[in-house]
């Protein structure tokens, strides 16, 4: 298992309640975006804060070292892993 996949699983496990709630809201948003937009945006902003924190942990050491050019690729893979589960994560905060 790659490091970004391990970090994704760790993030979800350590914030299980938040991600369980977000999964329900996300699925409801997929089915009916207009009715669930407010809940999706409110909970989604909390989830994005957690995701960014784990992204910082994952990529923080590579940015300052000799592998800095690989940091953006690692970040992209981490976000791709998130998008596999939460297809609409990029719609958080869009009015």
PDB file of N, CA and C in Angstrom:
ATOM      1  N   UNK A   1       0.848  -1.178   0.000  1.00  0.00           N
ATOM      2  CA  UNK A   1       0.000   0.000   0.000  1.00  0.00           C
ATOM      3  C   UNK A   1       0.891   1.238   0.000  1.00  0.00           C
ATOM      4  N   UNK A   2       0.537   2.181  -0.833  1.00  0.00           N
ATOM      5  CA  UNK A   2       1.309   3.411  -0.953  1.00  0.00           C
ATOM      6  C   UNK A   2       1.088   4.311   0.266  1.00  0.00           C
ATOM      7  N   UNK A   3       2.019   5.233   0.456  1.00  0.00           N
ATOM      8  CA  UNK A   3       1.966   6.116   1.617  1.00  0.00           C
ATOM      9  C   UNK A   3       0.708   6.993   1.615  1.00  0.00           C
ATOM     10  N   UNK A   4       0.312   7.502   0.449  1.00  0.00           N
ATOM     11  CA  UNK A   4      -0.882   8.351   0.382  1.00  0.00           C
ATOM     12  C   UNK A   4      -2.145   7.552   0.707  1.00  0.00           C
ATOM     13  N   UNK A   5      -2.174   6.273   0.336  1.00  0.00           N
ATOM     14  CA  UNK A   5      -3.321   5.423   0.665  1.00  0.00           C
ATOM     15  C   UNK A   5      -3.374   5.145   2.162  1.00  0.00           C
ATOM     16  N   UNK A   6      -2.216   4.914   2.744  1.00  0.00           N
ATOM     17  CA  UNK A   6      -2.133   4.697   4.190  1.00  0.00           C
ATOM     18  C   UNK A   6      -2.581   5.942   4.936  1.00  0.00           C
ATOM     19  N   UNK A   7      -2.157   7.104   4.462  1.00  0.00           N
ATOM     20  CA  UNK A   7      -2.540   8.365   5.113  1.00  0.00           C
ATOM     21  C   UNK A   7      -4.043   8.598   4.982  1.00  0.00           C
ATOM     22  N   UNK A   8      -4.623   8.251   3.846  1.00  0.00           N
ATOM     23  CA  UNK A   8      -6.059   8.389   3.659  1.00  0.00           C
ATOM     24  C   UNK A   8      -6.809   7.503   4.652  1.00  0.00           C
ATOM     25  N   UNK A   9      -6.408   6.254   4.775  1.00  0.00           N
ATOM     26  CA  UNK A   9      -7.068   5.348   5.718  1.00  0.00           C
ATOM     27  C   UNK A   9      -6.899   5.815   7.157  1.00  0.00           C
ATOM     28  N   UNK A  10      -5.713   6.297   7.474  1.00  0.00           N
ATOM     29  CA  UNK A  10      -5.457   6.814   8.827  1.00  0.00           C
ATOM     30  C   UNK A  10      -6.352   8.016   9.123  1.00  0.00           C
ATOM     31  N   UNK A  11      -6.484   8.910   8.139  1.00  0.00           N
ATOM     32  CA  UNK A  11      -7.320  10.098   8.297  1.00  0.00           C
ATOM     33  C   UNK A  11      -8.768   9.700   8.567  1.00  0.00           C
ATOM     34  N   UNK A  12      -9.289   8.758   7.803  1.00  0.00           N
ATOM     35  CA  UNK A  12     -10.676   8.334   7.966  1.00  0.00           C
ATOM     36  C   UNK A  12     -10.873   7.619   9.299  1.00  0.00           C
ATOM     37  N   UNK A  13      -9.922   6.781   9.687  1.00  0.00           N
ATOM     38  CA  UNK A  13     -10.040   6.047  10.953  1.00  0.00           C
ATOM     39  C   UNK A  13      -9.958   6.978  12.162  1.00  0.00           C
ATOM     40  N   UNK A  14      -9.065   7.947  12.116  1.00  0.00           N
ATOM     41  CA  UNK A  14      -8.881   8.852  13.251  1.00  0.00           C
ATOM     42  C   UNK A  14     -10.010   9.874  13.373  1.00  0.00           C
ATOM     43  N   UNK A  15     -10.762  10.054  12.306  1.00  0.00           N
ATOM     44  CA  UNK A  15     -11.893  10.991  12.305  1.00  0.00           C
ATOM     45  C   UNK A  15     -13.150  10.264  11.842  1.00  0.00           C
ATOM     46  N   UNK A  16     -13.338   9.066  12.365  1.00  0.00           N
ATOM     47  CA  UNK A  16     -14.392   8.169  11.896  1.00  0.00           C
ATOM     48  C   UNK A  16     -15.783   8.799  11.962  1.00  0.00           C
ATOM     49  N   UNK A  17     -16.117   9.401  13.073  1.00  0.00           N
ATOM     50  CA  UNK A  17     -17.450   9.982  13.231  1.00  0.00           C
ATOM     51  C   UNK A  17     -17.700  11.094  12.207  1.00  0.00           C
ATOM     52  N   UNK A  18     -16.731  11.958  12.026  1.00  0.00           N
ATOM     53  CA  UNK A  18     -16.866  13.053  11.065  1.00  0.00           C
ATOM     54  C   UNK A  18     -17.053  12.513   9.654  1.00  0.00           C
ATOM     55  N   UNK A  19     -16.238  11.548   9.261  1.00  0.00           N
ATOM     56  CA  UNK A  19     -16.325  11.017   7.907  1.00  0.00           C
ATOM     57  C   UNK A  19     -17.563  10.148   7.707  1.00  0.00           C
ATOM     58  N   UNK A  20     -18.025   9.469   8.742  1.00  0.00           N
ATOM     59  CA  UNK A  20     -19.280   8.718   8.635  1.00  0.00           C
ATOM     60  C   UNK A  20     -20.447   9.672   8.387  1.00  0.00           C
ATOM     61  N   UNK A  21     -20.469  10.768   9.142  1.00  0.00           N
ATOM     62  CA  UNK A  21     -21.519  11.775   8.937  1.00  0.00           C
ATOM     63  C   UNK A  21     -21.423  12.400   7.546  1.00  0.00           C
ATOM     64  N   UNK A  22     -20.199  12.689   7.133  1.00  0.00           N
ATOM     65  CA  UNK A  22     -20.021  13.307   5.823  1.00  0.00           C
ATOM     66  C   UNK A  22     -20.414  12.358   4.697  1.00  0.00           C
ATOM     67  N   UNK A  23     -20.170  11.073   4.865  1.00  0.00           N
ATOM     68  CA  UNK A  23     -20.566  10.098   3.851  1.00  0.00           C
ATOM     69  C   UNK A  23     -22.068  10.133   3.635  1.00  0.00           C
ATOM     70  N   UNK A  24     -22.825  10.202   4.717  1.00  0.00           N
ATOM     71  CA  UNK A  24     -24.280  10.262   4.603  1.00  0.00           C
ATOM     72  C   UNK A  24     -24.727  11.552   3.915  1.00  0.00           C
ATOM     73  N   UNK A  25     -24.150  12.663   4.321  1.00  0.00           N
ATOM     74  CA  UNK A  25     -24.511  13.952   3.730  1.00  0.00           C
ATOM     75  C   UNK A  25     -24.066  14.001   2.265  1.00  0.00           C
ATOM     76  N   UNK A  26     -22.897  13.487   1.979  1.00  0.00           N
ATOM     77  CA  UNK A  26     -22.382  13.463   0.604  1.00  0.00           C
ATOM     78  C   UNK A  26     -23.310  12.646  -0.303  1.00  0.00           C
ATOM     79  N   UNK A  27     -23.715  11.479   0.160  1.00  0.00           N
ATOM     80  CA  UNK A  27     -24.599  10.633  -0.644  1.00  0.00           C
ATOM     81  C   UNK A  27     -25.952  11.305  -0.867  1.00  0.00           C
ATOM     82  N   UNK A  28     -26.447  11.984   0.149  1.00  0.00           N
ATOM     83  CA  UNK A  28     -27.705  12.718  -0.001  1.00  0.00           C
ATOM     84  C   UNK A  28     -27.535  13.872  -0.991  1.00  0.00           C
ATOM     85  N   UNK A  29     -26.387  14.533  -0.958  1.00  0.00           N
ATOM     86  CA  UNK A  29     -26.102  15.629  -1.875  1.00  0.00           C
ATOM     87  C   UNK A  29     -26.033  15.139  -3.317  1.00  0.00           C
ATOM     88  N   UNK A  30     -25.457  13.964  -3.516  1.00  0.00           N
ATOM     89  CA  UNK A  30     -25.373  13.393  -4.865  1.00  0.00           C
ATOM     90  C   UNK A  30     -26.778  13.172  -5.430  1.00  0.00           C
ATOM     91  N   UNK A  31     -27.685  12.688  -4.579  1.00  0.00           N
ATOM     92  CA  UNK A  31     -29.042  12.398  -5.033  1.00  0.00           C
ATOM     93  C   UNK A  31     -29.882  13.657  -5.233  1.00  0.00           C
ATOM     94  N   UNK A  32     -29.723  14.630  -4.334  1.00  0.00           N
ATOM     95  CA  UNK A  32     -30.536  15.843  -4.416  1.00  0.00           C
ATOM     96  C   UNK A  32     -29.706  17.044  -3.951  1.00  0.00           C
ATOM     97  N   UNK A  33     -28.931  17.633  -4.861  1.00  0.00           N
ATOM     98  CA  UNK A  33     -28.026  18.720  -4.476  1.00  0.00           C
ATOM     99  C   UNK A  33     -28.722  19.946  -3.892  1.00  0.00           C
ATOM    100  N   UNK A  34     -29.872  20.315  -4.418  1.00  0.00           N
ATOM    101  CA  UNK A  34     -30.532  21.538  -3.958  1.00  0.00           C
ATOM    102  C   UNK A  34     -30.986  21.448  -2.510  1.00  0.00           C
ATOM    103  N   UNK A  35     -31.534  20.322  -2.125  1.00  0.00           N
ATOM    104  CA  UNK A  35     -32.042  20.175  -0.752  1.00  0.00           C
ATOM    105  C   UNK A  35     -30.936  19.994   0.282  1.00  0.00           C
ATOM    106  N   UNK A  36     -29.807  19.459  -0.127  1.00  0.00           N
ATOM    107  CA  UNK A  36     -28.758  19.101   0.833  1.00  0.00           C
ATOM    108  C   UNK A  36     -27.524  19.986   0.742  1.00  0.00           C
ATOM    109  N   UNK A  37     -27.606  21.057  -0.017  1.00  0.00           N
ATOM    110  CA  UNK A  37     -26.445  21.916  -0.246  1.00  0.00           C
ATOM    111  C   UNK A  37     -25.910  22.543   1.042  1.00  0.00           C
ATOM    112  N   UNK A  38     -26.782  23.050   1.894  1.00  0.00           N
ATOM    113  CA  UNK A  38     -26.335  23.739   3.114  1.00  0.00           C
ATOM    114  C   UNK A  38     -25.615  22.789   4.073  1.00  0.00           C
ATOM    115  N   UNK A  39     -26.209  21.633   4.294  1.00  0.00           N
ATOM    116  CA  UNK A  39     -25.570  20.635   5.173  1.00  0.00           C
ATOM    117  C   UNK A  39     -24.255  20.149   4.578  1.00  0.00           C
ATOM    118  N   UNK A  40     -24.252  19.942   3.265  1.00  0.00           N
ATOM    119  CA  UNK A  40     -23.049  19.482   2.574  1.00  0.00           C
ATOM    120  C   UNK A  40     -21.920  20.504   2.714  1.00  0.00           C
ATOM    121  N   UNK A  41     -22.231  21.774   2.520  1.00  0.00           N
ATOM    122  CA  UNK A  41     -21.207  22.813   2.629  1.00  0.00           C
ATOM    123  C   UNK A  41     -20.716  22.988   4.062  1.00  0.00           C
ATOM    124  N   UNK A  42     -21.622  22.928   5.031  1.00  0.00           N
ATOM    125  CA  UNK A  42     -21.234  23.116   6.431  1.00  0.00           C
ATOM    126  C   UNK A  42     -20.322  21.991   6.906  1.00  0.00           C
ATOM    127  N   UNK A  43     -20.753  20.766   6.703  1.00  0.00           N
ATOM    128  CA  UNK A  43     -19.948  19.629   7.142  1.00  0.00           C
ATOM    129  C   UNK A  43     -18.719  19.462   6.251  1.00  0.00           C
ATOM    130  N   UNK A  44     -18.872  19.768   4.976  1.00  0.00           N
ATOM    131  CA  UNK A  44     -17.767  19.650   4.038  1.00  0.00           C
ATOM    132  C   UNK A  44     -16.606  20.567   4.366  1.00  0.00           C
ATOM    133  N   UNK A  45     -16.892  21.747   4.897  1.00  0.00           N
ATOM    134  CA  UNK A  45     -15.799  22.657   5.260  1.00  0.00           C
ATOM    135  C   UNK A  45     -14.967  22.089   6.410  1.00  0.00           C
ATOM    136  N   UNK A  46     -15.620  21.417   7.351  1.00  0.00           N
ATOM    137  CA  UNK A  46     -14.882  20.743   8.430  1.00  0.00           C
ATOM    138  C   UNK A  46     -14.030  19.609   7.875  1.00  0.00           C
ATOM    139  N   UNK A  47     -14.609  18.848   6.956  1.00  0.00           N
ATOM    140  CA  UNK A  47     -13.891  17.729   6.356  1.00  0.00           C
ATOM    141  C   UNK A  47     -12.688  18.232   5.560  1.00  0.00           C
ATOM    142  N   UNK A  48     -12.855  19.320   4.825  1.00  0.00           N
ATOM    143  CA  UNK A  48     -11.740  19.881   4.063  1.00  0.00           C
ATOM    144  C   UNK A  48     -10.598  20.332   4.976  1.00  0.00           C
ATOM    145  N   UNK A  49     -10.937  20.880   6.132  1.00  0.00           N
ATOM    146  CA  UNK A  49      -9.898  21.270   7.086  1.00  0.00           C
ATOM    147  C   UNK A  49      -9.087  20.051   7.532  1.00  0.00           C
ATOM    148  N   UNK A  50      -9.785  18.961   7.807  1.00  0.00           N
ATOM    149  CA  UNK A  50      -9.108  17.726   8.222  1.00  0.00           C
ATOM    150  C   UNK A  50      -8.258  17.182   7.074  1.00  0.00           C
ATOM    151  N   UNK A  51      -8.807  17.184   5.869  1.00  0.00           N
ATOM    152  CA  UNK A  51      -8.071  16.684   4.702  1.00  0.00           C
ATOM    153  C   UNK A  51      -6.802  17.500   4.480  1.00  0.00           C
ATOM    154  N   UNK A  52      -6.912  18.798   4.574  1.00  0.00           N
ATOM    155  CA  UNK A  52      -5.734  19.660   4.361  1.00  0.00           C
ATOM    156  C   UNK A  52      -4.668  19.430   5.427  1.00  0.00           C
ATOM    157  N   UNK A  53      -5.115  19.170   6.637  1.00  0.00           N
ATOM    158  CA  UNK A  53      -4.157  18.877   7.713  1.00  0.00           C
ATOM    159  C   UNK A  53      -3.385  17.595   7.417  1.00  0.00           C
ATOM    160  N   UNK A  54      -4.082  16.570   6.993  1.00  0.00           N
ATOM    161  CA  UNK A  54      -3.408  15.310   6.678  1.00  0.00           C
ATOM    162  C   UNK A  54      -2.572  15.426   5.405  1.00  0.00           C
ATOM    163  N   UNK A  55      -3.003  16.244   4.472  1.00  0.00           N
ATOM    164  CA  UNK A  55      -2.200  16.501   3.280  1.00  0.00           C
ATOM    165  C   UNK A  55      -0.899  17.194   3.674  1.00  0.00           C
ATOM    166  N   UNK A  56      -0.984  18.122   4.611  1.00  0.00           N
ATOM    167  CA  UNK A  56       0.216  18.819   5.096  1.00  0.00           C
ATOM    168  C   UNK A  56       1.170  17.838   5.769  1.00  0.00           C
ATOM    169  N   UNK A  57       0.617  16.932   6.565  1.00  0.00           N
ATOM    170  CA  UNK A  57       1.442  15.921   7.226  1.00  0.00           C
ATOM    171  C   UNK A  57       2.111  15.024   6.181  1.00  0.00           C
ATOM    172  N   UNK A  58       1.344  14.617   5.189  1.00  0.00           N
ATOM    173  CA  UNK A  58       1.849  13.716   4.150  1.00  0.00           C
ATOM    174  C   UNK A  58       2.943  14.363   3.315  1.00  0.00           C
ATOM    175  N   UNK A  59       2.735  15.597   2.913  1.00  0.00           N
ATOM    176  CA  UNK A  59       3.644  16.254   1.963  1.00  0.00           C
ATOM    177  C   UNK A  59       4.650  17.184   2.622  1.00  0.00           C
ATOM    178  N   UNK A  60       4.505  17.460   3.894  1.00  0.00           N
ATOM    179  CA  UNK A  60       5.332  18.461   4.557  1.00  0.00           C
ATOM    180  C   UNK A  60       6.815  18.203   4.493  1.00  0.00           C
ATOM    181  N   UNK A  61       7.212  16.974   4.683  1.00  0.00           N
ATOM    182  CA  UNK A  61       8.642  16.661   4.708  1.00  0.00           C
ATOM    183  C   UNK A  61       9.242  16.630   3.307  1.00  0.00           C
ATOM    184  N   UNK A  62       8.444  16.262   2.319  1.00  0.00           N
ATOM    185  CA  UNK A  62       8.993  16.178   0.962  1.00  0.00           C
ATOM    186  C   UNK A  62       9.159  17.550   0.322  1.00  0.00           C
ATOM    187  N   UNK A  63       8.354  18.526   0.732  1.00  0.00           N
ATOM    188  CA  UNK A  63       8.443  19.861   0.122  1.00  0.00           C
ATOM    189  C   UNK A  63       9.772  20.529   0.396  1.00  0.00           C
ATOM    190  N   UNK A  64      10.317  20.328   1.579  1.00  0.00           N
ATOM    191  CA  UNK A  64      11.544  21.031   1.944  1.00  0.00           C
ATOM    192  C   UNK A  64      12.798  20.251   1.578  1.00  0.00           C
ATOM    193  N   UNK A  65      12.657  19.002   1.254  1.00  0.00           N
ATOM    194  CA  UNK A  65      13.825  18.179   0.951  1.00  0.00           C
ATOM    195  C   UNK A  65      14.158  18.157  -0.521  1.00  0.00           C
ATOM    196  N   UNK A  66      15.018  17.227  -0.866  1.00  0.00           N
ATOM    197  CA  UNK A  66      15.451  17.106  -2.257  1.00  0.00           C
ATOM    198  C   UNK A  66      14.358  16.550  -3.165  1.00  0.00           C
ATOM    199  N   UNK A  67      13.266  16.048  -2.560  1.00  0.00           N
ATOM    200  CA  UNK A  67      12.173  15.479  -3.340  1.00  0.00           C
ATOM    201  C   UNK A  67      10.986  16.439  -3.458  1.00  0.00           C
ATOM    202  N   UNK A  68      11.246  17.716  -3.363  1.00  0.00           N
ATOM    203  CA  UNK A  68      10.198  18.720  -3.411  1.00  0.00           C
ATOM    204  C   UNK A  68       9.355  18.676  -4.668  1.00  0.00           C
ATOM    205  N   UNK A  69       9.960  18.319  -5.779  1.00  0.00           N
ATOM    206  CA  UNK A  69       9.206  18.268  -7.034  1.00  0.00           C
ATOM    207  C   UNK A  69       8.187  17.139  -7.044  1.00  0.00           C
ATOM    208  N   UNK A  70       8.360  16.141  -6.170  1.00  0.00           N
ATOM    209  CA  UNK A  70       7.418  15.035  -6.101  1.00  0.00           C
ATOM    210  C   UNK A  70       6.250  15.322  -5.166  1.00  0.00           C
ATOM    211  N   UNK A  71       6.337  16.381  -4.405  1.00  0.00           N
ATOM    212  CA  UNK A  71       5.302  16.712  -3.430  1.00  0.00           C
ATOM    213  C   UNK A  71       3.960  16.967  -4.093  1.00  0.00           C
ATOM    214  N   UNK A  72       3.947  17.671  -5.205  1.00  0.00           N
ATOM    215  CA  UNK A  72       2.676  17.943  -5.876  1.00  0.00           C
ATOM    216  C   UNK A  72       2.058  16.665  -6.428  1.00  0.00           C
ATOM    217  N   UNK A  73       2.888  15.744  -6.900  1.00  0.00           N
ATOM    218  CA  UNK A  73       2.364  14.459  -7.377  1.00  0.00           C
ATOM    219  C   UNK A  73       1.776  13.656  -6.229  1.00  0.00           C
ATOM    220  N   UNK A  74       2.436  13.674  -5.105  1.00  0.00           N
ATOM    221  CA  UNK A  74       1.955  12.956  -3.925  1.00  0.00           C
ATOM    222  C   UNK A  74       0.636  13.554  -3.453  1.00  0.00           C
ATOM    223  N   UNK A  75       0.563  14.863  -3.442  1.00  0.00           N
ATOM    224  CA  UNK A  75      -0.669  15.545  -3.063  1.00  0.00           C
ATOM    225  C   UNK A  75      -1.800  15.196  -4.022  1.00  0.00           C
ATOM    226  N   UNK A  76      -1.506  15.179  -5.317  1.00  0.00           N
ATOM    227  CA  UNK A  76      -2.525  14.846  -6.320  1.00  0.00           C
ATOM    228  C   UNK A  76      -3.028  13.415  -6.142  1.00  0.00           C
ATOM    229  N   UNK A  77      -2.144  12.500  -5.852  1.00  0.00           N
ATOM    230  CA  UNK A  77      -2.550  11.105  -5.631  1.00  0.00           C
ATOM    231  C   UNK A  77      -3.417  10.988  -4.388  1.00  0.00           C
ATOM    232  N   UNK A  78      -3.073  11.741  -3.353  1.00  0.00           N
ATOM    233  CA  UNK A  78      -3.862  11.743  -2.122  1.00  0.00           C
ATOM    234  C   UNK A  78      -5.274  12.255  -2.408  1.00  0.00           C
ATOM    235  N   UNK A  79      -5.389  13.349  -3.153  1.00  0.00           N
ATOM    236  CA  UNK A  79      -6.703  13.902  -3.502  1.00  0.00           C
ATOM    237  C   UNK A  79      -7.466  12.977  -4.427  1.00  0.00           C
ATOM    238  N   UNK A  80      -6.781  12.301  -5.330  1.00  0.00           N
ATOM    239  CA  UNK A  80      -7.451  11.327  -6.198  1.00  0.00           C
ATOM    240  C   UNK A  80      -8.051  10.191  -5.383  1.00  0.00           C
ATOM    241  N   UNK A  81      -7.343   9.779  -4.355  1.00  0.00           N
ATOM    242  CA  UNK A  81      -7.848   8.737  -3.456  1.00  0.00           C
ATOM    243  C   UNK A  81      -9.107   9.225  -2.731  1.00  0.00           C
ATOM    244  N   UNK A  82      -9.113  10.467  -2.318  1.00  0.00           N
ATOM    245  CA  UNK A  82     -10.285  11.055  -1.661  1.00  0.00           C
ATOM    246  C   UNK A  82     -11.451  11.132  -2.640  1.00  0.00           C
ATOM    247  N   UNK A  83     -11.167  11.533  -3.867  1.00  0.00           N
ATOM    248  CA  UNK A  83     -12.225  11.671  -4.873  1.00  0.00           C
ATOM    249  C   UNK A  83     -12.830  10.338  -5.288  1.00  0.00           C
ATOM    250  N   UNK A  84     -12.108   9.243  -5.082  1.00  0.00           N
ATOM    251  CA  UNK A  84     -12.685   7.926  -5.366  1.00  0.00           C
ATOM    252  C   UNK A  84     -13.871   7.649  -4.451  1.00  0.00           C
ATOM    253  N   UNK A  85     -13.762   8.094  -3.215  1.00  0.00           N
ATOM    254  CA  UNK A  85     -14.810   7.852  -2.221  1.00  0.00           C
ATOM    255  C   UNK A  85     -15.836   8.985  -2.231  1.00  0.00           C
ATOM    256  N   UNK A  86     -15.349  10.221  -2.300  1.00  0.00           N
ATOM    257  CA  UNK A  86     -16.221  11.398  -2.246  1.00  0.00           C
ATOM    258  C   UNK A  86     -16.122  12.147  -3.580  1.00  0.00           C
ATOM    259  N   UNK A  87     -16.922  11.724  -4.545  1.00  0.00           N
ATOM    260  CA  UNK A  87     -16.847  12.272  -5.901  1.00  0.00           C
ATOM    261  C   UNK A  87     -17.144  13.761  -5.951  1.00  0.00           C
ATOM    262  N   UNK A  88     -17.944  14.260  -5.053  1.00  0.00           N
ATOM    263  CA  UNK A  88     -18.384  15.662  -5.085  1.00  0.00           C
ATOM    264  C   UNK A  88     -17.629  16.542  -4.089  1.00  0.00           C
ATOM    265  N   UNK A  89     -16.501  16.095  -3.586  1.00  0.00           N
ATOM    266  CA  UNK A  89     -15.744  16.859  -2.580  1.00  0.00           C
ATOM    267  C   UNK A  89     -15.336  18.232  -3.126  1.00  0.00           C
ATOM    268  N   UNK A  90     -15.136  18.333  -4.426  1.00  0.00           N
ATOM    269  CA  UNK A  90     -14.730  19.610  -5.015  1.00  0.00           C
ATOM    270  C   UNK A  90     -15.867  20.624  -5.060  1.00  0.00           C
ATOM    271  N   UNK A  91     -17.088  20.200  -4.769  1.00  0.00           N
ATOM    272  CA  UNK A  91     -18.228  21.095  -4.791  1.00  0.00           C
ATOM    273  C   UNK A  91     -18.515  21.733  -3.430  1.00  0.00           C
ATOM    274  N   UNK A  92     -17.721  21.418  -2.437  1.00  0.00           N
ATOM    275  CA  UNK A  92     -17.900  22.018  -1.109  1.00  0.00           C
ATOM    276  C   UNK A  92     -17.605  23.510  -1.214  1.00  0.00           C
ATOM    277  N   UNK A  93     -18.564  24.302  -0.738  1.00  0.00           N
ATOM    278  CA  UNK A  93     -18.403  25.756  -0.721  1.00  0.00           C
ATOM    279  C   UNK A  93     -18.874  26.466  -1.976  1.00  0.00           C
ATOM    280  N   UNK A  94     -19.246  25.728  -2.994  1.00  0.00           N
ATOM    281  CA  UNK A  94     -19.734  26.359  -4.223  1.00  0.00           C
ATOM    282  C   UNK A  94     -21.196  26.710  -4.045  1.00  0.00           C
ATOM    283  N   UNK A  95     -21.541  27.924  -4.328  1.00  0.00           N
ATOM    284  CA  UNK A  95     -22.911  28.403  -4.136  1.00  0.00           C
ATOM    285  C   UNK A  95     -23.759  28.126  -5.354  1.00  0.00           C
TER     286      UNK A  95
END
